[in-house]
Amino acid sequence: MLRRLTRTQFRNAVRDVFEVDVDVNELDADSWNGNFAVIGASTVVTSERGVEQYHTAIEKAVDVVFADSAKRAQFIGCTPSGAQDDVCVRGFLQALGLRAWRRPLEAAELDRLAAVAAGAATELGSPVEGARWATVALFTSPNFLYRAELGAPSADGSLRLTGYEMASRLAFLVWNSLPDEVLLDQAAGGALETVEGVRAAATRMLDAPAGREAVGAFAEEYMRLDRIGTQAKDAALFPEYDAALRAAMVRDMRGTWEVLAFEDQTSALDLFSTTKVVVNTELAKLYGIDTTGLDSSTFEVRSLPADGPRLGILSKAGFLSQFANQKEGSPTLRGKFMRDALMCRTIPPPPGDIDIVLDEPPADMPLTKRQRLEKHRTEPTCAGCHGLMDPLGLPLESFDAIGRHRTTDHGLPIDPSGDFDGQPVADARELGMAISSSDLVARCLVRKYYTYAAGHEERDVDGSVLNTLAASFEASGFKLRELVLDLVTNEAFSSVAPQP
């Protein structure tokens, strides 16, 4: 399988090598499949403009390092001569290439890069310029931009990942970035060819600061937090909804996943019943909690009131605001996400000739969103799908289009009752509690994390693996960290997946 680096993976990899943050917003957009960019990465096509933008981003990062003599000297580690057989440059490229391409360079590849360095050194009159342009060539190569998982035949005839491919897959799952020197050494020494070796390697990686990516990056894709930054709202109704508040919402959502998985090491199902939030001043104000000790750039883990209207990640502004329109929340969109992402149940698309926009009620005859949806469901062509989604989303009607709590809708009292998987719930709190005790949600989370880690959509042949992972997940107390370790040591993780 070949997968292009996602925008986030590209940014992380460049940062880890060059210690430079690059703007990835100009790069070709990620392709999403099965709610994940890492799955869509196997089918995405890079445009001509995209190739140019990758080249520009790499040049900028390389220039930052090479423009500073101290950084450059440390980066290269020796003094290049500019000759075709320059031992310094060849050693530099061999070591850097191992990190960038996640495998040792072949002799012919090293020769070509050394030729780039020698040619640029001659043309520009500077051995340093030669090293610079060879570095650019190394990081604009498809070998950097794409993750190759081609495998090698095993004793039973199946294709298994090589040691270096396993190191790459582990690194991009746990760190969402490149493997480090230790992991590459383990690949070279055969340590990643045993279950014990893989578990030890993954444990070390999870214990590292970047290990939080194993959950944080998953949460960012699983919860589609990328959409928060592009959600437009009515400025007259929500003047506080600016870029800074949207960024705080993302940090709160992602941070809560990380806190529960790594600091509390509690059940993943507690995500839906937790009172913990990660807030700065602006987000704390939106939640109506004390802002003492906070400012715009200071985030802390705080607790919501135990008897307040919010409970769990579905009552966070980051979730509520993205499943809403410019003026009001959408029980339908919120319910659709829950049914698909939390319950792993599909919803058929609406008929092509149906109007999916709700009519606005007359000003002199206001209706709540619930009443408008109930009217909408009287249409036979609408009732089937809306009956699957709306009861899930209606308990969140107590929150508006940016996640602020409210008790009225168009001046009328809100009825936040609904239903989760046949269980009546009175409001958002009861919805969170129902989800937090659901075996269906626990199993669905395993299915979603498996497809995220494997990089492909669920297949019929994955049933046995998913059953094994679901059983071990339950035995661990539904701990996400243990799910990661059990997954990477499962034989399926080292298997080569078919190209879509």
Protein backbone atom coordinates (compact mmCIF):
# COMPACT_ATOMS: atom_id res chain seq x y z
CA MET A 1 0.00 0.00 0.00
CA LEU A 2 1.11 3.56 -0.74
CA ARG A 3 -0.23 6.43 1.33
CA ARG A 4 0.60 10.11 1.01
CA LEU A 5 1.44 11.86 4.25
CA THR A 6 -1.52 13.76 5.62
CA ARG A 7 -1.09 17.49 6.17
CA THR A 8 -0.54 16.88 9.87
CA GLN A 9 2.00 14.11 9.28
CA PHE A 10 3.90 16.31 6.81
CA ARG A 11 3.97 19.18 9.30
CA ASN A 12 5.11 16.93 12.15
CA ALA A 13 7.82 15.24 10.08
CA VAL A 14 9.26 18.56 8.88
CA ARG A 15 9.17 19.93 12.41
CA ASP A 16 10.94 16.89 13.84
CA VAL A 17 13.76 17.05 11.29
CA PHE A 18 14.24 20.79 10.81
CA GLU A 19 12.69 22.18 14.01
CA VAL A 20 10.59 24.45 11.80
CA ASP A 21 6.81 24.82 11.73
CA VAL A 22 5.48 24.95 8.17
CA ASP A 23 2.08 26.23 7.07
CA VAL A 24 0.31 23.23 5.57
CA ASN A 25 -2.89 25.06 4.67
CA GLU A 26 -1.57 25.76 1.16
CA LEU A 27 -0.86 22.08 0.51
CA ASP A 28 -3.33 19.86 -1.32
CA ALA A 29 -6.23 19.08 1.00
CA ASP A 30 -6.42 15.69 2.66
CA SER A 31 -8.82 13.17 1.18
CA TRP A 32 -11.24 11.72 3.74
CA ASN A 33 -12.55 8.18 3.61
CA GLY A 34 -14.39 6.36 6.36
CA ASN A 35 -14.12 9.55 8.43
CA PHE A 36 -10.31 9.38 8.34
CA ALA A 37 -7.67 11.25 6.36
CA VAL A 38 -5.18 8.41 6.93
CA ILE A 39 -7.49 6.10 4.98
CA GLY A 40 -8.14 8.59 2.20
CA ALA A 41 -4.37 9.04 1.89
CA SER A 42 -4.16 5.79 -0.08
CA THR A 43 -6.36 7.10 -2.89
CA VAL A 44 -5.51 10.80 -2.99
CA VAL A 45 -3.96 12.27 -6.15
CA THR A 46 -1.43 15.10 -5.83
CA SER A 47 -2.05 17.98 -8.24
CA GLU A 48 0.64 19.84 -10.17
CA ARG A 49 0.08 22.82 -7.92
CA GLY A 50 0.35 20.50 -4.94
CA VAL A 51 3.78 19.31 -6.05
CA GLU A 52 4.91 22.93 -6.26
CA GLN A 53 3.53 23.70 -2.81
CA TYR A 54 5.32 20.73 -1.25
CA HIS A 55 8.54 21.93 -2.88
CA THR A 56 7.99 25.47 -1.58
CA ALA A 57 7.30 24.26 1.96
CA ILE A 58 10.42 22.09 2.01
CA GLU A 59 12.61 24.86 0.59
CA LYS A 60 11.44 27.24 3.31
CA ALA A 61 12.22 24.73 6.06
CA VAL A 62 15.64 23.88 4.62
CA ASP A 63 16.46 27.57 4.19
CA VAL A 64 15.80 28.26 7.87
CA VAL A 65 18.44 25.69 8.84
CA PHE A 66 21.01 26.52 6.17
CA ALA A 67 20.76 30.30 6.66
CA ASP A 68 22.07 29.95 10.22
CA SER A 69 25.72 28.87 10.28
CA ALA A 70 25.47 27.24 13.71
CA LYS A 71 22.29 25.32 12.85
CA ARG A 72 23.74 24.33 9.48
CA ALA A 73 26.96 23.01 10.97
CA GLN A 74 25.06 20.95 13.52
CA PHE A 75 22.62 19.70 10.88
CA ILE A 76 25.29 18.54 8.40
CA GLY A 77 27.77 17.46 11.05
CA CYS A 78 30.85 17.89 8.85
CA THR A 79 32.36 20.22 6.23
CA PRO A 80 31.32 19.41 2.64
CA SER A 81 33.89 19.72 -0.15
CA GLY A 82 31.58 19.78 -3.16
CA ALA A 83 33.26 16.81 -4.85
CA GLN A 84 31.26 13.96 -6.40
CA ASP A 85 32.82 11.52 -3.93
CA ASP A 86 32.54 13.89 -0.97
CA VAL A 87 32.63 11.57 2.05
CA CYS A 88 31.03 14.25 4.23
CA VAL A 89 28.00 14.79 2.01
CA ARG A 90 27.50 11.10 1.28
CA GLY A 91 27.54 10.26 4.98
CA PHE A 92 25.21 13.15 5.72
CA LEU A 93 22.75 12.09 3.03
CA GLN A 94 22.88 8.44 4.06
CA ALA A 95 22.00 9.28 7.67
CA LEU A 96 19.39 11.90 6.80
CA GLY A 97 17.92 9.69 4.10
CA LEU A 98 17.39 6.86 6.56
CA ARG A 99 15.25 9.16 8.70
CA ALA A 100 13.42 10.85 5.83
CA TRP A 101 12.67 7.76 3.74
CA ARG A 102 12.28 5.44 6.77
CA ARG A 103 14.73 2.94 5.24
CA PRO A 104 18.39 2.85 4.14
CA LEU A 105 19.13 4.47 0.79
CA GLU A 106 20.10 2.13 -2.00
CA ALA A 107 23.52 2.71 -3.58
CA ALA A 108 22.04 4.15 -6.77
CA GLU A 109 19.79 6.50 -4.78
CA LEU A 110 22.72 7.77 -2.76
CA ASP A 111 24.74 8.28 -5.94
CA ARG A 112 21.97 10.38 -7.50
CA LEU A 113 21.63 12.59 -4.43
CA ALA A 114 25.41 12.99 -4.20
CA ALA A 115 25.39 14.02 -7.86
CA VAL A 116 22.76 16.67 -7.09
CA ALA A 117 24.98 18.01 -4.31
CA ALA A 118 28.10 18.04 -6.49
CA GLY A 119 26.28 19.67 -9.43
CA ALA A 120 24.74 22.40 -7.28
CA ALA A 121 28.07 23.01 -5.53
CA THR A 122 29.79 23.51 -8.90
CA GLU A 123 27.05 25.67 -10.42
CA LEU A 124 26.58 27.86 -7.35
CA GLY A 125 30.20 27.86 -6.25
CA SER A 126 29.45 26.60 -2.75
CA PRO A 127 29.67 23.10 -1.25
CA VAL A 128 27.12 24.21 1.34
CA GLU A 129 24.66 25.06 -1.43
CA GLY A 130 25.25 21.59 -2.81
CA ALA A 131 24.27 20.04 0.51
CA ARG A 132 21.25 22.32 0.72
CA TRP A 133 19.86 21.35 -2.69
CA ALA A 134 20.49 17.67 -2.04
CA THR A 135 18.49 18.03 1.17
CA VAL A 136 15.64 19.64 -0.76
CA ALA A 137 15.75 16.77 -3.26
CA LEU A 138 15.65 14.23 -0.43
CA PHE A 139 12.50 15.72 1.11
CA THR A 140 10.63 16.45 -2.12
CA SER A 141 11.05 12.87 -3.24
CA PRO A 142 7.98 10.58 -3.29
CA ASN A 143 9.99 8.39 -0.91
CA PHE A 144 9.44 11.05 1.76
CA LEU A 145 5.96 12.21 0.77
CA TYR A 146 4.51 8.71 0.50
CA ARG A 147 4.45 5.86 2.98
CA ALA A 148 5.34 2.63 1.22
CA GLU A 149 4.08 -0.56 2.87
CA LEU A 150 4.82 -3.18 0.22
CA GLY A 151 6.00 -5.97 2.50
CA ALA A 152 7.91 -9.18 1.81
CA PRO A 153 6.68 -12.79 1.50
CA SER A 154 6.48 -14.65 4.82
CA ALA A 155 6.77 -18.38 5.45
CA ASP A 156 3.02 -18.87 4.92
CA GLY A 157 3.09 -16.95 1.65
CA SER A 158 1.38 -13.81 2.94
CA LEU A 159 2.96 -10.38 2.66
CA ARG A 160 4.28 -9.03 5.97
CA LEU A 161 5.77 -5.63 6.65
CA THR A 162 9.55 -5.45 6.68
CA GLY A 163 11.27 -4.22 9.83
CA TYR A 164 11.62 -0.70 8.43
CA GLU A 165 8.03 -0.65 7.21
CA MET A 166 6.92 -1.76 10.67
CA ALA A 167 8.95 1.05 12.23
CA SER A 168 7.29 3.53 9.89
CA ARG A 169 3.78 2.23 10.58
CA LEU A 170 4.39 2.32 14.33
CA ALA A 171 5.80 5.84 14.20
CA PHE A 172 2.95 7.27 12.18
CA LEU A 173 0.37 5.60 14.42
CA VAL A 174 1.87 6.45 17.80
CA TRP A 175 3.68 9.73 17.00
CA ASN A 176 2.00 10.73 13.73
CA SER A 177 5.50 11.44 12.48
CA LEU A 178 8.80 9.84 11.47
CA PRO A 179 10.52 7.03 13.38
CA ASP A 180 13.45 8.12 15.53
CA GLU A 181 16.96 6.67 15.58
CA VAL A 182 16.12 4.16 18.32
CA LEU A 183 13.16 2.75 16.39
CA LEU A 184 15.16 2.54 13.16
CA ASP A 185 17.92 0.71 15.03
CA GLN A 186 15.33 -1.73 16.37
CA ALA A 187 14.11 -2.28 12.81
CA ALA A 188 17.65 -2.95 11.60
CA GLY A 189 18.33 -5.39 14.43
CA GLY A 190 15.15 -7.43 13.92
CA ALA A 191 13.51 -6.40 17.20
CA LEU A 192 10.28 -5.47 15.40
CA GLU A 193 9.87 -9.00 14.06
CA THR A 194 8.63 -10.34 17.41
CA VAL A 195 5.52 -9.55 19.42
CA GLU A 196 7.65 -8.84 22.48
CA GLY A 197 9.87 -6.46 20.54
CA VAL A 198 6.96 -4.57 19.04
CA ARG A 199 5.24 -4.22 22.41
CA ALA A 200 8.43 -2.93 24.04
CA ALA A 201 8.97 -0.45 21.22
CA ALA A 202 5.37 0.78 21.33
CA THR A 203 5.47 1.12 25.12
CA ARG A 204 8.56 3.32 24.89
CA MET A 205 6.88 5.42 22.22
CA LEU A 206 3.68 5.85 24.22
CA ASP A 207 5.73 6.94 27.23
CA ALA A 208 7.42 9.67 25.18
CA PRO A 209 5.84 13.16 25.07
CA ALA A 210 4.84 12.57 21.45
CA GLY A 211 3.02 9.39 22.51
CA ARG A 212 -0.11 11.41 23.20
CA GLU A 213 -0.47 11.63 19.41
CA ALA A 214 -1.60 7.98 19.44
CA VAL A 215 -4.87 9.19 20.93
CA GLY A 216 -4.85 12.91 20.13
CA ALA A 217 -4.34 12.49 16.39
CA PHE A 218 -6.97 9.76 16.29
CA ALA A 219 -9.45 11.97 18.15
CA GLU A 220 -8.75 14.83 15.77
CA GLU A 221 -9.68 12.72 12.75
CA TYR A 222 -12.38 10.60 14.40
CA MET A 223 -14.20 13.68 15.71
CA ARG A 224 -13.43 15.63 12.50
CA LEU A 225 -11.96 18.52 14.46
CA ASP A 226 -10.53 19.91 11.21
CA ARG A 227 -14.00 21.21 10.39
CA ILE A 228 -14.11 23.51 13.41
CA GLY A 229 -11.58 25.89 11.87
CA THR A 230 -13.67 26.37 8.75
CA GLN A 231 -17.13 26.59 10.34
CA ALA A 232 -18.74 29.95 9.60
CA LYS A 233 -21.27 31.38 12.04
CA ASP A 234 -23.55 34.40 11.99
CA ALA A 235 -21.30 37.17 13.34
CA ALA A 236 -24.26 39.16 14.60
CA LEU A 237 -25.47 36.25 16.71
CA PHE A 238 -22.06 34.93 17.76
CA PRO A 239 -19.51 37.78 17.81
CA GLU A 240 -17.23 35.80 20.13
CA TYR A 241 -16.84 32.96 17.62
CA ASP A 242 -13.42 33.89 16.24
CA ALA A 243 -10.35 31.91 15.18
CA ALA A 244 -8.94 31.93 18.71
CA LEU A 245 -12.11 30.45 20.20
CA ARG A 246 -12.27 27.80 17.49
CA ALA A 247 -8.65 26.82 18.21
CA ALA A 248 -9.51 26.59 21.92
CA MET A 249 -12.41 24.27 21.10
CA VAL A 250 -10.08 21.93 19.23
CA ARG A 251 -7.60 21.95 22.10
CA ASP A 252 -10.37 21.16 24.59
CA MET A 253 -11.69 18.22 22.57
CA ARG A 254 -8.31 16.72 21.82
CA GLY A 255 -6.92 17.49 25.26
CA THR A 256 -9.74 15.69 27.04
CA TRP A 257 -9.05 12.50 25.08
CA GLU A 258 -5.36 12.76 26.00
CA VAL A 259 -5.98 13.49 29.69
CA LEU A 260 -8.28 10.50 30.14
CA ALA A 261 -6.01 8.15 28.18
CA PHE A 262 -2.59 9.15 29.54
CA GLU A 263 -2.97 11.01 32.82
CA ASP A 264 -6.07 9.39 34.29
CA GLN A 265 -5.67 6.14 32.31
CA THR A 266 -9.35 5.52 32.75
CA SER A 267 -11.99 3.92 30.54
CA ALA A 268 -12.45 5.39 27.07
CA LEU A 269 -16.19 5.29 27.73
CA ASP A 270 -15.65 7.89 30.46
CA LEU A 271 -15.17 10.36 27.61
CA PHE A 272 -18.94 10.53 27.37
CA SER A 273 -19.57 11.13 31.07
CA THR A 274 -16.55 13.19 32.11
CA THR A 275 -16.87 16.66 33.59
CA LYS A 276 -13.30 17.54 32.62
CA VAL A 277 -12.59 20.32 30.17
CA VAL A 278 -9.35 21.88 28.92
CA VAL A 279 -10.00 25.62 28.84
CA ASN A 280 -8.56 29.09 28.51
CA THR A 281 -10.39 32.27 29.54
CA GLU A 282 -12.61 32.50 26.48
CA LEU A 283 -13.75 28.88 26.52
CA ALA A 284 -14.25 28.92 30.30
CA LYS A 285 -16.58 31.90 29.86
CA LEU A 286 -18.57 30.03 27.23
CA TYR A 287 -18.88 27.09 29.65
CA GLY A 288 -19.82 29.43 32.49
CA ILE A 289 -17.01 28.34 34.83
CA ASP A 290 -14.47 30.26 36.91
CA THR A 291 -11.71 31.93 34.86
CA THR A 292 -9.33 32.58 37.77
CA GLY A 293 -5.74 31.81 36.77
CA LEU A 294 -6.54 31.64 33.08
CA ASP A 295 -5.89 33.92 30.14
CA SER A 296 -6.11 33.56 26.37
CA SER A 297 -2.90 31.54 26.13
CA THR A 298 -3.11 29.63 29.42
CA PHE A 299 -5.04 26.36 29.28
CA GLU A 300 -5.83 24.24 32.31
CA VAL A 301 -7.81 21.10 33.04
CA ARG A 302 -10.90 22.16 34.95
CA SER A 303 -14.11 20.45 36.01
CA LEU A 304 -17.61 21.43 35.05
CA PRO A 305 -20.25 21.65 37.80
CA ALA A 306 -21.31 18.16 38.80
CA ASP A 307 -24.98 19.13 38.44
CA GLY A 308 -24.56 21.29 35.35
CA PRO A 309 -26.13 20.72 31.93
CA ARG A 310 -22.96 19.37 30.31
CA LEU A 311 -21.52 15.89 30.56
CA GLY A 312 -18.92 14.34 28.29
CA ILE A 313 -17.37 15.27 24.98
CA LEU A 314 -20.70 15.46 23.14
CA SER A 315 -21.64 18.50 25.23
CA LYS A 316 -18.38 20.28 24.43
CA ALA A 317 -18.45 23.34 22.21
CA GLY A 318 -16.02 21.68 19.80
CA PHE A 319 -18.54 18.96 18.98
CA LEU A 320 -21.68 21.06 19.12
CA SER A 321 -20.41 23.90 16.93
CA GLN A 322 -19.27 21.74 14.04
CA PHE A 323 -22.56 19.87 13.78
CA ALA A 324 -24.61 23.02 13.39
CA ASN A 325 -25.32 25.65 10.78
CA GLN A 326 -24.56 29.36 10.89
CA LYS A 327 -27.45 30.21 13.17
CA GLU A 328 -28.59 27.13 15.06
CA GLY A 329 -27.63 23.64 16.08
CA SER A 330 -28.65 20.59 14.10
CA PRO A 331 -30.07 17.56 15.94
CA THR A 332 -29.98 15.73 12.62
CA LEU A 333 -26.27 16.29 11.97
CA ARG A 334 -25.39 15.59 15.59
CA GLY A 335 -27.43 12.40 15.54
CA LYS A 336 -26.00 11.33 12.20
CA PHE A 337 -22.47 11.58 13.59
CA MET A 338 -23.38 9.58 16.68
CA ARG A 339 -25.05 6.84 14.69
CA ASP A 340 -22.14 6.51 12.27
CA ALA A 341 -19.10 7.20 14.46
CA LEU A 342 -20.26 5.95 17.86
CA MET A 343 -22.64 3.14 16.93
CA CYS A 344 -21.12 2.04 13.59
CA ARG A 345 -24.55 2.01 12.01
CA THR A 346 -25.13 3.32 8.52
CA ILE A 347 -27.77 5.74 7.32
CA PRO A 348 -28.94 5.67 3.71
CA PRO A 349 -28.51 8.91 1.75
CA PRO A 350 -31.65 11.04 1.23
CA PRO A 351 -33.53 10.71 -2.06
CA GLY A 352 -32.06 12.98 -4.69
CA ASP A 353 -35.28 14.93 -5.27
CA ILE A 354 -36.01 15.78 -1.64
CA ASP A 355 -35.55 19.19 -0.01
CA ILE A 356 -33.51 18.62 3.13
CA VAL A 357 -33.75 22.24 4.36
CA LEU A 358 -36.27 22.85 7.12
CA ASP A 359 -38.78 25.62 6.53
CA GLU A 360 -38.44 28.64 8.80
CA PRO A 361 -41.55 29.13 10.95
CA PRO A 362 -43.55 32.36 10.54
CA ALA A 363 -42.47 35.11 12.94
CA ASP A 364 -45.93 35.19 14.51
CA MET A 365 -46.08 31.38 14.92
CA PRO A 366 -42.70 30.31 16.35
CA LEU A 367 -41.75 26.65 16.57
CA THR A 368 -38.86 24.94 18.30
CA LYS A 369 -36.42 22.88 16.26
CA ARG A 370 -38.01 19.74 17.71
CA GLN A 371 -41.44 20.84 16.49
CA ARG A 372 -40.10 21.66 13.03
CA LEU A 373 -38.40 18.26 12.80
CA GLU A 374 -41.55 16.48 13.95
CA LYS A 375 -43.44 18.24 11.18
CA HIS A 376 -40.68 17.31 8.72
CA ARG A 377 -40.94 13.65 9.71
CA THR A 378 -44.59 13.55 8.70
CA GLU A 379 -43.30 13.35 5.13
CA PRO A 380 -42.97 9.61 4.36
CA THR A 381 -39.74 10.12 2.39
CA CYS A 382 -38.17 11.91 5.39
CA ALA A 383 -39.42 9.84 8.29
CA GLY A 384 -37.18 6.80 7.87
CA CYS A 385 -33.78 8.48 8.01
CA HIS A 386 -34.75 11.27 10.41
CA GLY A 387 -36.20 8.69 12.76
CA LEU A 388 -32.71 7.17 13.01
CA MET A 389 -30.87 10.45 13.60
CA ASP A 390 -33.07 13.04 15.29
CA PRO A 391 -33.80 11.18 18.57
CA LEU A 392 -30.03 10.90 19.11
CA GLY A 393 -29.38 14.60 18.50
CA LEU A 394 -32.39 16.15 20.24
CA PRO A 395 -30.91 15.79 23.79
CA LEU A 396 -28.27 18.29 22.65
CA GLU A 397 -30.86 20.92 21.70
CA SER A 398 -30.06 22.70 24.95
CA PHE A 399 -26.92 23.99 23.20
CA ASP A 400 -26.83 26.48 20.36
CA ALA A 401 -24.72 26.71 17.19
CA ILE A 402 -21.48 27.43 19.08
CA GLY A 403 -22.21 25.24 22.09
CA ARG A 404 -23.61 27.83 24.49
CA HIS A 405 -26.21 26.50 26.90
CA ARG A 406 -29.78 27.69 26.40
CA THR A 407 -33.23 26.83 27.73
CA THR A 408 -35.45 28.35 25.02
CA ASP A 409 -35.69 28.16 21.24
CA HIS A 410 -37.51 30.98 19.46
CA GLY A 411 -38.83 32.01 22.87
CA LEU A 412 -40.30 28.58 23.58
CA PRO A 413 -39.06 26.13 26.24
CA ILE A 414 -36.80 23.38 24.93
CA ASP A 415 -37.67 19.72 25.41
CA PRO A 416 -34.24 17.97 25.32
CA SER A 417 -35.53 14.41 25.61
CA GLY A 418 -34.51 11.77 23.14
CA ASP A 419 -33.46 8.19 22.70
CA PHE A 420 -30.19 6.27 22.55
CA ASP A 421 -30.34 2.76 21.12
CA GLY A 422 -33.87 2.22 22.42
CA GLN A 423 -33.17 3.77 25.83
CA PRO A 424 -35.11 6.98 26.59
CA VAL A 425 -32.94 9.86 27.81
CA ALA A 426 -34.13 13.11 29.35
CA ASP A 427 -31.29 15.40 28.32
CA ALA A 428 -27.61 15.69 27.38
CA ARG A 429 -26.47 14.36 30.75
CA GLU A 430 -28.55 11.19 30.47
CA LEU A 431 -27.39 10.78 26.87
CA GLY A 432 -23.77 10.90 28.02
CA MET A 433 -24.41 8.37 30.78
CA ALA A 434 -26.20 6.01 28.39
CA ILE A 435 -23.34 6.13 25.89
CA SER A 436 -20.73 5.66 28.62
CA SER A 437 -22.24 2.29 29.56
CA SER A 438 -22.80 1.04 26.02
CA ASP A 439 -21.06 -2.12 24.81
CA LEU A 440 -22.11 -1.12 21.29
CA VAL A 441 -20.11 2.10 21.52
CA ALA A 442 -17.09 0.29 22.99
CA ARG A 443 -17.04 -2.18 20.13
CA CYS A 444 -17.56 0.56 17.56
CA LEU A 445 -14.60 2.47 18.98
CA VAL A 446 -12.43 -0.62 18.47
CA ARG A 447 -13.61 -0.87 14.87
CA LYS A 448 -12.86 2.78 14.21
CA TYR A 449 -9.41 2.69 15.81
CA TYR A 450 -8.53 -0.47 13.91
CA THR A 451 -9.36 1.06 10.52
CA TYR A 452 -7.47 4.21 11.50
CA ALA A 453 -4.38 2.19 12.45
CA ALA A 454 -4.56 -0.20 9.50
CA GLY A 455 -5.20 2.56 6.99
CA HIS A 456 -8.09 0.87 5.24
CA GLU A 457 -11.83 0.52 5.66
CA GLU A 458 -13.22 -2.46 7.52
CA ARG A 459 -13.34 -5.69 5.50
CA ASP A 460 -15.22 -8.95 6.01
CA VAL A 461 -11.95 -10.73 6.81
CA ASP A 462 -11.33 -8.36 9.74
CA GLY A 463 -14.10 -9.87 11.86
CA SER A 464 -11.87 -12.24 13.83
CA VAL A 465 -9.30 -9.54 14.56
CA LEU A 466 -11.99 -7.14 15.72
CA ASN A 467 -13.50 -9.75 18.03
CA THR A 468 -10.08 -10.37 19.59
CA LEU A 469 -9.40 -6.66 20.04
CA ALA A 470 -12.87 -6.00 21.46
CA ALA A 471 -12.42 -8.75 24.05
CA SER A 472 -9.01 -7.47 25.15
CA PHE A 473 -10.31 -3.88 25.19
CA GLU A 474 -13.08 -4.90 27.59
CA ALA A 475 -10.65 -6.90 29.73
CA SER A 476 -8.40 -3.84 30.06
CA GLY A 477 -11.26 -1.71 31.37
CA PHE A 478 -11.63 -0.05 27.96
CA LYS A 479 -8.29 1.74 28.23
CA LEU A 480 -7.14 3.38 25.00
CA ARG A 481 -3.45 2.93 25.75
CA GLU A 482 -3.97 -0.83 26.09
CA LEU A 483 -5.98 -0.87 22.88
CA VAL A 484 -3.01 0.65 21.05
CA LEU A 485 -0.62 -1.96 22.46
CA ASP A 486 -2.96 -4.86 21.72
CA LEU A 487 -3.54 -3.62 18.20
CA VAL A 488 0.11 -3.12 17.20
CA THR A 489 1.01 -6.58 18.51
CA ASN A 490 -1.82 -8.23 16.60
CA GLU A 491 -0.67 -10.05 13.46
CA ALA A 492 -3.05 -7.96 11.36
CA PHE A 493 -1.05 -4.80 12.09
CA SER A 494 2.05 -6.22 10.39
CA SER A 495 0.09 -7.41 7.36
CA VAL A 496 0.19 -5.60 4.03
CA ALA A 497 -3.22 -4.21 3.17
CA PRO A 498 -4.45 -4.22 -0.43
CA GLN A 499 -4.32 -0.93 -2.35
CA PRO A 500 -7.85 0.44 -2.85
